[in-house]
Amino acid sequence: LADHDPTMHGEVAAIRDACKRVGTHSLKGCTLYTTAYPCPMCMSAALWAGIEKIIYGCTVDDTADIGFKDDEFYEAIKSGEAIPLECSDRGLCQELFREYDSLKAQRY
């Protein structure tokens, strides 16, 4: 929290560091070791990176015991009540996507 960055969790830092070290966005075939069961953000980052296995020590209940609320985040996501979502300017955004797609840029 020194940088006031709520996304800088240990797993995210490890993924960023590993990608820099191997020189690619893909960590396919890698295992992530972490002290606790990953929060939804870290789990998503691991999925985006292609990590194939996660080894963790503490459970979600263990993290709740010391004040983390990952279980609340998982429940909010499951229920669809995490953050209100609203679709806006879909046509304009679709045009941007088509432009991007025409570049044939590398995808994750």
PDB file of N, CA and C in Angstrom:
ATOM      1  N   LEU A   1       0.808  -1.208   0.000  1.00  0.00           N
ATOM      2  CA  LEU A   1       0.000   0.000   0.000  1.00  0.00           C
ATOM      3  C   LEU A   1       0.844   1.261   0.000  1.00  0.00           C
ATOM      4  N   ALA A   2       2.146   1.100   0.012  1.00  0.00           N
ATOM      5  CA  ALA A   2       3.041   2.260   0.028  1.00  0.00           C
ATOM      6  C   ALA A   2       2.830   3.147  -1.195  1.00  0.00           C
ATOM      7  N   ASP A   3       2.490   2.538  -2.337  1.00  0.00           N
ATOM      8  CA  ASP A   3       2.270   3.306  -3.562  1.00  0.00           C
ATOM      9  C   ASP A   3       0.806   3.688  -3.755  1.00  0.00           C
ATOM     10  N   HIS A   4      -0.037   3.364  -2.780  1.00  0.00           N
ATOM     11  CA  HIS A   4      -1.476   3.651  -2.858  1.00  0.00           C
ATOM     12  C   HIS A   4      -2.096   2.983  -4.084  1.00  0.00           C
ATOM     13  N   ASP A   5      -1.666   1.760  -4.377  1.00  0.00           N
ATOM     14  CA  ASP A   5      -2.135   1.009  -5.540  1.00  0.00           C
ATOM     15  C   ASP A   5      -2.852  -0.251  -5.063  1.00  0.00           C
ATOM     16  N   PRO A   6      -4.204  -0.250  -5.084  1.00  0.00           N
ATOM     17  CA  PRO A   6      -4.932  -1.411  -4.587  1.00  0.00           C
ATOM     18  C   PRO A   6      -4.791  -2.651  -5.468  1.00  0.00           C
ATOM     19  N   THR A   7      -4.202  -2.504  -6.649  1.00  0.00           N
ATOM     20  CA  THR A   7      -4.009  -3.663  -7.528  1.00  0.00           C
ATOM     21  C   THR A   7      -2.656  -4.337  -7.328  1.00  0.00           C
ATOM     22  N   MET A   8      -1.798  -3.770  -6.508  1.00  0.00           N
ATOM     23  CA  MET A   8      -0.459  -4.333  -6.336  1.00  0.00           C
ATOM     24  C   MET A   8      -0.460  -5.401  -5.237  1.00  0.00           C
ATOM     25  N   HIS A   9      -1.017  -6.547  -5.588  1.00  0.00           N
ATOM     26  CA  HIS A   9      -0.981  -7.702  -4.698  1.00  0.00           C
ATOM     27  C   HIS A   9       0.266  -8.513  -5.034  1.00  0.00           C
ATOM     28  N   GLY A  10       0.657  -9.381  -4.138  1.00  0.00           N
ATOM     29  CA  GLY A  10       1.856 -10.188  -4.340  1.00  0.00           C
ATOM     30  C   GLY A  10       1.814 -11.007  -5.618  1.00  0.00           C
ATOM     31  N   GLU A  11       0.652 -11.602  -5.903  1.00  0.00           N
ATOM     32  CA  GLU A  11       0.532 -12.419  -7.108  1.00  0.00           C
ATOM     33  C   GLU A  11       0.699 -11.567  -8.370  1.00  0.00           C
ATOM     34  N   VAL A  12       0.083 -10.389  -8.374  1.00  0.00           N
ATOM     35  CA  VAL A  12       0.193  -9.497  -9.538  1.00  0.00           C
ATOM     36  C   VAL A  12       1.642  -9.055  -9.715  1.00  0.00           C
ATOM     37  N   ALA A  13       2.298  -8.724  -8.610  1.00  0.00           N
ATOM     38  CA  ALA A  13       3.710  -8.320  -8.683  1.00  0.00           C
ATOM     39  C   ALA A  13       4.564  -9.460  -9.234  1.00  0.00           C
ATOM     40  N   ALA A  14       4.294 -10.682  -8.784  1.00  0.00           N
ATOM     41  CA  ALA A  14       5.057 -11.843  -9.260  1.00  0.00           C
ATOM     42  C   ALA A  14       4.819 -12.085 -10.749  1.00  0.00           C
ATOM     43  N   ILE A  15       3.570 -11.952 -11.192  1.00  0.00           N
ATOM     44  CA  ILE A  15       3.246 -12.144 -12.607  1.00  0.00           C
ATOM     45  C   ILE A  15       3.940 -11.085 -13.455  1.00  0.00           C
ATOM     46  N   ARG A  16       3.873  -9.830 -13.017  1.00  0.00           N
ATOM     47  CA  ARG A  16       4.529  -8.751 -13.766  1.00  0.00           C
ATOM     48  C   ARG A  16       6.035  -8.992 -13.864  1.00  0.00           C
ATOM     49  N   ASP A  17       6.637  -9.380 -12.753  1.00  0.00           N
ATOM     50  CA  ASP A  17       8.078  -9.626 -12.728  1.00  0.00           C
ATOM     51  C   ASP A  17       8.448 -10.801 -13.637  1.00  0.00           C
ATOM     52  N   ALA A  18       7.679 -11.879 -13.549  1.00  0.00           N
ATOM     53  CA  ALA A  18       7.972 -13.057 -14.370  1.00  0.00           C
ATOM     54  C   ALA A  18       7.849 -12.738 -15.858  1.00  0.00           C
ATOM     55  N   CYS A  19       6.825 -11.980 -16.234  1.00  0.00           N
ATOM     56  CA  CYS A  19       6.653 -11.617 -17.647  1.00  0.00           C
ATOM     57  C   CYS A  19       7.825 -10.781 -18.145  1.00  0.00           C
ATOM     58  N   LYS A  20       8.298  -9.869 -17.313  1.00  0.00           N
ATOM     59  CA  LYS A  20       9.464  -9.061 -17.697  1.00  0.00           C
ATOM     60  C   LYS A  20      10.692  -9.945 -17.867  1.00  0.00           C
ATOM     61  N   ARG A  21      10.872 -10.881 -16.941  1.00  0.00           N
ATOM     62  CA  ARG A  21      12.059 -11.738 -16.978  1.00  0.00           C
ATOM     63  C   ARG A  21      12.084 -12.662 -18.195  1.00  0.00           C
ATOM     64  N   VAL A  22      10.912 -13.203 -18.552  1.00  0.00           N
ATOM     65  CA  VAL A  22      10.888 -14.127 -19.692  1.00  0.00           C
ATOM     66  C   VAL A  22      10.630 -13.401 -21.012  1.00  0.00           C
ATOM     67  N   GLY A  23      10.253 -12.128 -20.935  1.00  0.00           N
ATOM     68  CA  GLY A  23      10.082 -11.321 -22.138  1.00  0.00           C
ATOM     69  C   GLY A  23       8.835 -11.625 -22.946  1.00  0.00           C
ATOM     70  N   THR A  24       7.777 -12.054 -22.272  1.00  0.00           N
ATOM     71  CA  THR A  24       6.512 -12.350 -22.947  1.00  0.00           C
ATOM     72  C   THR A  24       5.357 -12.173 -21.968  1.00  0.00           C
ATOM     73  N   HIS A  25       4.154 -12.045 -22.515  1.00  0.00           N
ATOM     74  CA  HIS A  25       2.970 -11.930 -21.664  1.00  0.00           C
ATOM     75  C   HIS A  25       2.426 -13.302 -21.272  1.00  0.00           C
ATOM     76  N   SER A  26       2.959 -14.357 -21.853  1.00  0.00           N
ATOM     77  CA  SER A  26       2.457 -15.701 -21.591  1.00  0.00           C
ATOM     78  C   SER A  26       3.334 -16.433 -20.581  1.00  0.00           C
ATOM     79  N   LEU A  27       2.708 -16.896 -19.537  1.00  0.00           N
ATOM     80  CA  LEU A  27       3.404 -17.721 -18.544  1.00  0.00           C
ATOM     81  C   LEU A  27       2.875 -19.152 -18.603  1.00  0.00           C
ATOM     82  N   LYS A  28       2.499 -19.567 -19.799  1.00  0.00           N
ATOM     83  CA  LYS A  28       1.983 -20.919 -20.014  1.00  0.00           C
ATOM     84  C   LYS A  28       2.997 -21.934 -19.499  1.00  0.00           C
ATOM     85  N   GLY A  29       2.499 -22.887 -18.750  1.00  0.00           N
ATOM     86  CA  GLY A  29       3.357 -23.915 -18.192  1.00  0.00           C
ATOM     87  C   GLY A  29       3.921 -23.568 -16.827  1.00  0.00           C
ATOM     88  N   CYS A  30       3.671 -22.348 -16.369  1.00  0.00           N
ATOM     89  CA  CYS A  30       4.216 -21.902 -15.077  1.00  0.00           C
ATOM     90  C   CYS A  30       3.265 -22.218 -13.927  1.00  0.00           C
ATOM     91  N   THR A  31       3.842 -22.316 -12.748  1.00  0.00           N
ATOM     92  CA  THR A  31       3.096 -22.480 -11.505  1.00  0.00           C
ATOM     93  C   THR A  31       3.324 -21.242 -10.659  1.00  0.00           C
ATOM     94  N   LEU A  32       2.253 -20.708 -10.084  1.00  0.00           N
ATOM     95  CA  LEU A  32       2.328 -19.553  -9.196  1.00  0.00           C
ATOM     96  C   LEU A  32       2.240 -20.046  -7.759  1.00  0.00           C
ATOM     97  N   TYR A  33       3.202 -19.663  -6.940  1.00  0.00           N
ATOM     98  CA  TYR A  33       3.199 -20.000  -5.516  1.00  0.00           C
ATOM     99  C   TYR A  33       2.813 -18.751  -4.743  1.00  0.00           C
ATOM    100  N   THR A  34       1.853 -18.894  -3.824  1.00  0.00           N
ATOM    101  CA  THR A  34       1.368 -17.742  -3.074  1.00  0.00           C
ATOM    102  C   THR A  34       0.998 -18.157  -1.657  1.00  0.00           C
ATOM    103  N   THR A  35       1.075 -17.219  -0.745  1.00  0.00           N
ATOM    104  CA  THR A  35       0.788 -17.543   0.653  1.00  0.00           C
ATOM    105  C   THR A  35      -0.685 -17.797   0.904  1.00  0.00           C
ATOM    106  N   ALA A  36      -1.570 -17.250   0.060  1.00  0.00           N
ATOM    107  CA  ALA A  36      -3.004 -17.401   0.301  1.00  0.00           C
ATOM    108  C   ALA A  36      -3.754 -17.660  -0.998  1.00  0.00           C
ATOM    109  N   TYR A  37      -4.936 -18.241  -0.862  1.00  0.00           N
ATOM    110  CA  TYR A  37      -5.815 -18.461  -2.007  1.00  0.00           C
ATOM    111  C   TYR A  37      -6.019 -17.125  -2.706  1.00  0.00           C
ATOM    112  N   PRO A  38      -5.826 -17.053  -4.016  1.00  0.00           N
ATOM    113  CA  PRO A  38      -5.871 -15.767  -4.714  1.00  0.00           C
ATOM    114  C   PRO A  38      -7.237 -15.087  -4.662  1.00  0.00           C
ATOM    115  N   CYS A  39      -7.209 -13.776  -4.524  1.00  0.00           N
ATOM    116  CA  CYS A  39      -8.434 -12.987  -4.607  1.00  0.00           C
ATOM    117  C   CYS A  39      -8.912 -13.022  -6.062  1.00  0.00           C
ATOM    118  N   PRO A  40     -10.135 -12.569  -6.337  1.00  0.00           N
ATOM    119  CA  PRO A  40     -10.630 -12.597  -7.719  1.00  0.00           C
ATOM    120  C   PRO A  40      -9.725 -11.865  -8.715  1.00  0.00           C
ATOM    121  N   MET A  41      -9.155 -10.732  -8.330  1.00  0.00           N
ATOM    122  CA  MET A  41      -8.282  -9.984  -9.236  1.00  0.00           C
ATOM    123  C   MET A  41      -7.032 -10.798  -9.570  1.00  0.00           C
ATOM    124  N   CYS A  42      -6.416 -11.377  -8.559  1.00  0.00           N
ATOM    125  CA  CYS A  42      -5.190 -12.149  -8.780  1.00  0.00           C
ATOM    126  C   CYS A  42      -5.476 -13.424  -9.571  1.00  0.00           C
ATOM    127  N   MET A  43      -6.614 -14.048  -9.311  1.00  0.00           N
ATOM    128  CA  MET A  43      -7.004 -15.232 -10.078  1.00  0.00           C
ATOM    129  C   MET A  43      -7.182 -14.856 -11.545  1.00  0.00           C
ATOM    130  N   SER A  44      -7.815 -13.720 -11.797  1.00  0.00           N
ATOM    131  CA  SER A  44      -7.992 -13.256 -13.178  1.00  0.00           C
ATOM    132  C   SER A  44      -6.649 -12.972 -13.837  1.00  0.00           C
ATOM    133  N   ALA A  45      -5.743 -12.333 -13.113  1.00  0.00           N
ATOM    134  CA  ALA A  45      -4.413 -12.043 -13.661  1.00  0.00           C
ATOM    135  C   ALA A  45      -3.693 -13.343 -14.021  1.00  0.00           C
ATOM    136  N   ALA A  46      -3.819 -14.347 -13.170  1.00  0.00           N
ATOM    137  CA  ALA A  46      -3.190 -15.642 -13.446  1.00  0.00           C
ATOM    138  C   ALA A  46      -3.793 -16.281 -14.696  1.00  0.00           C
ATOM    139  N   LEU A  47      -5.104 -16.173 -14.848  1.00  0.00           N
ATOM    140  CA  LEU A  47      -5.760 -16.709 -16.044  1.00  0.00           C
ATOM    141  C   LEU A  47      -5.299 -15.978 -17.297  1.00  0.00           C
ATOM    142  N   TRP A  48      -5.246 -14.641 -17.241  1.00  0.00           N
ATOM    143  CA  TRP A  48      -4.781 -13.852 -18.386  1.00  0.00           C
ATOM    144  C   TRP A  48      -3.340 -14.212 -18.751  1.00  0.00           C
ATOM    145  N   ALA A  49      -2.528 -14.501 -17.758  1.00  0.00           N
ATOM    146  CA  ALA A  49      -1.120 -14.825 -18.002  1.00  0.00           C
ATOM    147  C   ALA A  49      -0.924 -16.256 -18.492  1.00  0.00           C
ATOM    148  N   GLY A  50      -1.953 -17.084 -18.369  1.00  0.00           N
ATOM    149  CA  GLY A  50      -1.839 -18.468 -18.820  1.00  0.00           C
ATOM    150  C   GLY A  50      -1.216 -19.400 -17.801  1.00  0.00           C
ATOM    151  N   ILE A  51      -1.150 -18.956 -16.554  1.00  0.00           N
ATOM    152  CA  ILE A  51      -0.580 -19.802 -15.498  1.00  0.00           C
ATOM    153  C   ILE A  51      -1.423 -21.066 -15.385  1.00  0.00           C
ATOM    154  N   GLU A  52      -0.760 -22.201 -15.293  1.00  0.00           N
ATOM    155  CA  GLU A  52      -1.471 -23.476 -15.337  1.00  0.00           C
ATOM    156  C   GLU A  52      -1.778 -24.074 -13.969  1.00  0.00           C
ATOM    157  N   LYS A  53      -1.100 -23.595 -12.927  1.00  0.00           N
ATOM    158  CA  LYS A  53      -1.336 -24.161 -11.594  1.00  0.00           C
ATOM    159  C   LYS A  53      -0.986 -23.110 -10.551  1.00  0.00           C
ATOM    160  N   ILE A  54      -1.762 -23.095  -9.458  1.00  0.00           N
ATOM    161  CA  ILE A  54      -1.485 -22.194  -8.338  1.00  0.00           C
ATOM    162  C   ILE A  54      -1.375 -23.038  -7.075  1.00  0.00           C
ATOM    163  N   ILE A  55      -0.288 -22.855  -6.358  1.00  0.00           N
ATOM    164  CA  ILE A  55      -0.078 -23.515  -5.069  1.00  0.00           C
ATOM    165  C   ILE A  55      -0.217 -22.437  -3.997  1.00  0.00           C
ATOM    166  N   TYR A  56      -1.132 -22.638  -3.047  1.00  0.00           N
ATOM    167  CA  TYR A  56      -1.351 -21.635  -2.000  1.00  0.00           C
ATOM    168  C   TYR A  56      -1.307 -22.283  -0.626  1.00  0.00           C
ATOM    169  N   GLY A  57      -1.062 -21.458   0.386  1.00  0.00           N
ATOM    170  CA  GLY A  57      -1.005 -21.945   1.758  1.00  0.00           C
ATOM    171  C   GLY A  57      -2.297 -21.694   2.521  1.00  0.00           C
ATOM    172  N   CYS A  58      -2.637 -20.452   2.751  1.00  0.00           N
ATOM    173  CA  CYS A  58      -3.815 -20.089   3.549  1.00  0.00           C
ATOM    174  C   CYS A  58      -5.091 -20.111   2.712  1.00  0.00           C
ATOM    175  N   THR A  59      -6.188 -20.497   3.354  1.00  0.00           N
ATOM    176  CA  THR A  59      -7.491 -20.539   2.691  1.00  0.00           C
ATOM    177  C   THR A  59      -8.168 -19.168   2.745  1.00  0.00           C
ATOM    178  N   VAL A  60      -9.296 -19.048   2.054  1.00  0.00           N
ATOM    179  CA  VAL A  60     -10.085 -17.811   2.103  1.00  0.00           C
ATOM    180  C   VAL A  60     -10.521 -17.540   3.544  1.00  0.00           C
ATOM    181  N   ASP A  61     -10.889 -18.581   4.285  1.00  0.00           N
ATOM    182  CA  ASP A  61     -11.272 -18.400   5.693  1.00  0.00           C
ATOM    183  C   ASP A  61     -10.100 -17.889   6.522  1.00  0.00           C
ATOM    184  N   ASP A  62      -8.906 -18.396   6.241  1.00  0.00           N
ATOM    185  CA  ASP A  62      -7.721 -17.920   6.964  1.00  0.00           C
ATOM    186  C   ASP A  62      -7.499 -16.431   6.718  1.00  0.00           C
ATOM    187  N   THR A  63      -7.670 -16.001   5.472  1.00  0.00           N
ATOM    188  CA  THR A  63      -7.460 -14.580   5.171  1.00  0.00           C
ATOM    189  C   THR A  63      -8.550 -13.726   5.808  1.00  0.00           C
ATOM    190  N   ALA A  64      -9.775 -14.255   5.863  1.00  0.00           N
ATOM    191  CA  ALA A  64     -10.867 -13.517   6.513  1.00  0.00           C
ATOM    192  C   ALA A  64     -10.576 -13.331   7.997  1.00  0.00           C
ATOM    193  N   ASP A  65      -9.934 -14.329   8.598  1.00  0.00           N
ATOM    194  CA  ASP A  65      -9.607 -14.246  10.028  1.00  0.00           C
ATOM    195  C   ASP A  65      -8.703 -13.066  10.355  1.00  0.00           C
ATOM    196  N   ILE A  66      -7.918 -12.592   9.381  1.00  0.00           N
ATOM    197  CA  ILE A  66      -7.049 -11.442   9.656  1.00  0.00           C
ATOM    198  C   ILE A  66      -7.533 -10.164   8.964  1.00  0.00           C
ATOM    199  N   GLY A  67      -8.793 -10.194   8.483  1.00  0.00           N
ATOM    200  CA  GLY A  67      -9.406  -8.962   8.000  1.00  0.00           C
ATOM    201  C   GLY A  67      -9.569  -8.782   6.508  1.00  0.00           C
ATOM    202  N   PHE A  68      -9.086  -9.730   5.703  1.00  0.00           N
ATOM    203  CA  PHE A  68      -9.305  -9.609   4.261  1.00  0.00           C
ATOM    204  C   PHE A  68     -10.739 -10.012   3.933  1.00  0.00           C
ATOM    205  N   LYS A  69     -11.300  -9.448   2.868  1.00  0.00           N
ATOM    206  CA  LYS A  69     -12.690  -9.739   2.539  1.00  0.00           C
ATOM    207  C   LYS A  69     -12.849 -10.379   1.163  1.00  0.00           C
ATOM    208  N   ASP A  70     -11.916 -11.235   0.806  1.00  0.00           N
ATOM    209  CA  ASP A  70     -11.976 -11.896  -0.495  1.00  0.00           C
ATOM    210  C   ASP A  70     -13.277 -12.675  -0.675  1.00  0.00           C
ATOM    211  N   ASP A  71     -13.758 -13.313   0.394  1.00  0.00           N
ATOM    212  CA  ASP A  71     -14.996 -14.077   0.292  1.00  0.00           C
ATOM    213  C   ASP A  71     -16.157 -13.180  -0.119  1.00  0.00           C
ATOM    214  N   GLU A  72     -16.189 -11.942   0.376  1.00  0.00           N
ATOM    215  CA  GLU A  72     -17.241 -10.996  -0.008  1.00  0.00           C
ATOM    216  C   GLU A  72     -17.136 -10.652  -1.487  1.00  0.00           C
ATOM    217  N   PHE A  73     -15.909 -10.500  -1.977  1.00  0.00           N
ATOM    218  CA  PHE A  73     -15.719 -10.182  -3.394  1.00  0.00           C
ATOM    219  C   PHE A  73     -16.188 -11.341  -4.271  1.00  0.00           C
ATOM    220  N   TYR A  74     -15.822 -12.575  -3.896  1.00  0.00           N
ATOM    221  CA  TYR A  74     -16.253 -13.733  -4.670  1.00  0.00           C
ATOM    222  C   TYR A  74     -17.776 -13.822  -4.704  1.00  0.00           C
ATOM    223  N   GLU A  75     -18.425 -13.601  -3.566  1.00  0.00           N
ATOM    224  CA  GLU A  75     -19.890 -13.659  -3.503  1.00  0.00           C
ATOM    225  C   GLU A  75     -20.527 -12.553  -4.335  1.00  0.00           C
ATOM    226  N   ALA A  76     -19.980 -11.342  -4.271  1.00  0.00           N
ATOM    227  CA  ALA A  76     -20.529 -10.221  -5.048  1.00  0.00           C
ATOM    228  C   ALA A  76     -20.419 -10.500  -6.543  1.00  0.00           C
ATOM    229  N   ILE A  77     -19.322 -11.087  -6.965  1.00  0.00           N
ATOM    230  CA  ILE A  77     -19.150 -11.413  -8.382  1.00  0.00           C
ATOM    231  C   ILE A  77     -20.140 -12.500  -8.796  1.00  0.00           C
ATOM    232  N   LYS A  78     -20.269 -13.545  -7.969  1.00  0.00           N
ATOM    233  CA  LYS A  78     -21.198 -14.633  -8.275  1.00  0.00           C
ATOM    234  C   LYS A  78     -22.635 -14.141  -8.384  1.00  0.00           C
ATOM    235  N   SER A  79     -23.021 -13.242  -7.494  1.00  0.00           N
ATOM    236  CA  SER A  79     -24.404 -12.763  -7.462  1.00  0.00           C
ATOM    237  C   SER A  79     -24.690 -11.723  -8.535  1.00  0.00           C
ATOM    238  N   GLY A  80     -23.643 -11.194  -9.160  1.00  0.00           N
ATOM    239  CA  GLY A  80     -23.828 -10.153 -10.157  1.00  0.00           C
ATOM    240  C   GLY A  80     -24.024  -8.778  -9.551  1.00  0.00           C
ATOM    241  N   GLU A  81     -23.755  -8.653  -8.254  1.00  0.00           N
ATOM    242  CA  GLU A  81     -23.974  -7.390  -7.554  1.00  0.00           C
ATOM    243  C   GLU A  81     -22.671  -6.722  -7.130  1.00  0.00           C
ATOM    244  N   ALA A  82     -21.577  -7.022  -7.807  1.00  0.00           N
ATOM    245  CA  ALA A  82     -20.282  -6.469  -7.409  1.00  0.00           C
ATOM    246  C   ALA A  82     -20.260  -4.955  -7.559  1.00  0.00           C
ATOM    247  N   ILE A  83     -20.427  -4.468  -8.761  1.00  0.00           N
ATOM    248  CA  ILE A  83     -20.459  -3.041  -9.077  1.00  0.00           C
ATOM    249  C   ILE A  83     -21.503  -2.884 -10.175  1.00  0.00           C
ATOM    250  N   PRO A  84     -22.381  -1.903 -10.075  1.00  0.00           N
ATOM    251  CA  PRO A  84     -23.363  -1.714 -11.151  1.00  0.00           C
ATOM    252  C   PRO A  84     -22.659  -1.506 -12.498  1.00  0.00           C
ATOM    253  N   LEU A  85     -23.133  -2.201 -13.507  1.00  0.00           N
ATOM    254  CA  LEU A  85     -22.581  -2.104 -14.859  1.00  0.00           C
ATOM    255  C   LEU A  85     -23.631  -1.509 -15.788  1.00  0.00           C
ATOM    256  N   GLU A  86     -23.194  -0.661 -16.684  1.00  0.00           N
ATOM    257  CA  GLU A  86     -24.104  -0.051 -17.648  1.00  0.00           C
ATOM    258  C   GLU A  86     -23.407   0.021 -19.002  1.00  0.00           C
ATOM    259  N   CYS A  87     -24.062  -0.484 -20.028  1.00  0.00           N
ATOM    260  CA  CYS A  87     -23.517  -0.427 -21.381  1.00  0.00           C
ATOM    261  C   CYS A  87     -23.832   0.945 -21.973  1.00  0.00           C
ATOM    262  N   SER A  88     -22.821   1.579 -22.555  1.00  0.00           N
ATOM    263  CA  SER A  88     -22.998   2.909 -23.128  1.00  0.00           C
ATOM    264  C   SER A  88     -22.154   3.039 -24.391  1.00  0.00           C
ATOM    265  N   ASP A  89     -22.682   3.704 -25.391  1.00  0.00           N
ATOM    266  CA  ASP A  89     -21.953   3.972 -26.637  1.00  0.00           C
ATOM    267  C   ASP A  89     -21.414   2.699 -27.287  1.00  0.00           C
ATOM    268  N   ARG A  90     -22.234   1.658 -27.287  1.00  0.00           N
ATOM    269  CA  ARG A  90     -21.793   0.372 -27.825  1.00  0.00           C
ATOM    270  C   ARG A  90     -21.354   0.479 -29.281  1.00  0.00           C
ATOM    271  N   GLY A  91     -22.117   1.169 -30.098  1.00  0.00           N
ATOM    272  CA  GLY A  91     -21.775   1.286 -31.517  1.00  0.00           C
ATOM    273  C   GLY A  91     -20.409   1.912 -31.723  1.00  0.00           C
ATOM    274  N   LEU A  92     -20.134   2.988 -31.005  1.00  0.00           N
ATOM    275  CA  LEU A  92     -18.835   3.655 -31.096  1.00  0.00           C
ATOM    276  C   LEU A  92     -17.711   2.718 -30.647  1.00  0.00           C
ATOM    277  N   CYS A  93     -17.951   2.016 -29.567  1.00  0.00           N
ATOM    278  CA  CYS A  93     -16.938   1.090 -29.052  1.00  0.00           C
ATOM    279  C   CYS A  93     -16.730  -0.083 -30.007  1.00  0.00           C
ATOM    280  N   GLN A  94     -17.812  -0.553 -30.627  1.00  0.00           N
ATOM    281  CA  GLN A  94     -17.667  -1.629 -31.611  1.00  0.00           C
ATOM    282  C   GLN A  94     -16.815  -1.162 -32.789  1.00  0.00           C
ATOM    283  N   GLU A  95     -16.983   0.082 -33.199  1.00  0.00           N
ATOM    284  CA  GLU A  95     -16.170   0.626 -34.287  1.00  0.00           C
ATOM    285  C   GLU A  95     -14.693   0.647 -33.889  1.00  0.00           C
ATOM    286  N   LEU A  96     -14.414   1.049 -32.657  1.00  0.00           N
ATOM    287  CA  LEU A  96     -13.032   1.033 -32.169  1.00  0.00           C
ATOM    288  C   LEU A  96     -12.467  -0.387 -32.182  1.00  0.00           C
ATOM    289  N   PHE A  97     -13.286  -1.354 -31.779  1.00  0.00           N
ATOM    290  CA  PHE A  97     -12.845  -2.748 -31.801  1.00  0.00           C
ATOM    291  C   PHE A  97     -12.561  -3.206 -33.229  1.00  0.00           C
ATOM    292  N   ARG A  98     -13.425  -2.823 -34.174  1.00  0.00           N
ATOM    293  CA  ARG A  98     -13.198  -3.205 -35.572  1.00  0.00           C
ATOM    294  C   ARG A  98     -11.889  -2.596 -36.084  1.00  0.00           C
ATOM    295  N   GLU A  99     -11.636  -1.346 -35.728  1.00  0.00           N
ATOM    296  CA  GLU A  99     -10.377  -0.703 -36.129  1.00  0.00           C
ATOM    297  C   GLU A  99      -9.187  -1.452 -35.539  1.00  0.00           C
ATOM    298  N   TYR A 100      -9.283  -1.792 -34.268  1.00  0.00           N
ATOM    299  CA  TYR A 100      -8.213  -2.538 -33.613  1.00  0.00           C
ATOM    300  C   TYR A 100      -8.030  -3.902 -34.281  1.00  0.00           C
ATOM    301  N   ASP A 101      -9.140  -4.566 -34.557  1.00  0.00           N
ATOM    302  CA  ASP A 101      -9.078  -5.885 -35.176  1.00  0.00           C
ATOM    303  C   ASP A 101      -8.411  -5.822 -36.545  1.00  0.00           C
ATOM    304  N   SER A 102      -8.636  -4.739 -37.270  1.00  0.00           N
ATOM    305  CA  SER A 102      -8.042  -4.602 -38.604  1.00  0.00           C
ATOM    306  C   SER A 102      -6.518  -4.474 -38.548  1.00  0.00           C
ATOM    307  N   LEU A 103      -5.986  -4.111 -37.385  1.00  0.00           N
ATOM    308  CA  LEU A 103      -4.532  -4.012 -37.217  1.00  0.00           C
ATOM    309  C   LEU A 103      -3.875  -5.383 -37.107  1.00  0.00           C
ATOM    310  N   LYS A 104      -4.686  -6.391 -36.831  1.00  0.00           N
ATOM    311  CA  LYS A 104      -4.198  -7.768 -36.654  1.00  0.00           C
ATOM    312  C   LYS A 104      -3.095  -7.825 -35.597  1.00  0.00           C
ATOM    313  N   ALA A 105      -3.293  -7.058 -34.550  1.00  0.00           N
ATOM    314  CA  ALA A 105      -2.320  -7.006 -33.454  1.00  0.00           C
ATOM    315  C   ALA A 105      -2.346  -8.314 -32.665  1.00  0.00           C
ATOM    316  N   GLN A 106      -1.252  -8.595 -31.996  1.00  0.00           N
ATOM    317  CA  GLN A 106      -1.166  -9.801 -31.173  1.00  0.00           C
ATOM    318  C   GLN A 106      -2.160  -9.698 -30.023  1.00  0.00           C
ATOM    319  N   ARG A 107      -2.842 -10.791 -29.756  1.00  0.00           N
ATOM    320  CA  ARG A 107      -3.818 -10.844 -28.669  1.00  0.00           C
ATOM    321  C   ARG A 107      -3.266 -11.718 -27.541  1.00  0.00           C
ATOM    322  N   TYR A 108      -3.839 -11.567 -26.367  1.00  0.00           N
ATOM    323  CA  TYR A 108      -3.438 -12.395 -25.226  1.00  0.00           C
ATOM    324  C   TYR A 108      -3.827 -13.823 -25.466  1.00  0.00           C
TER     325      TYR A 108
END
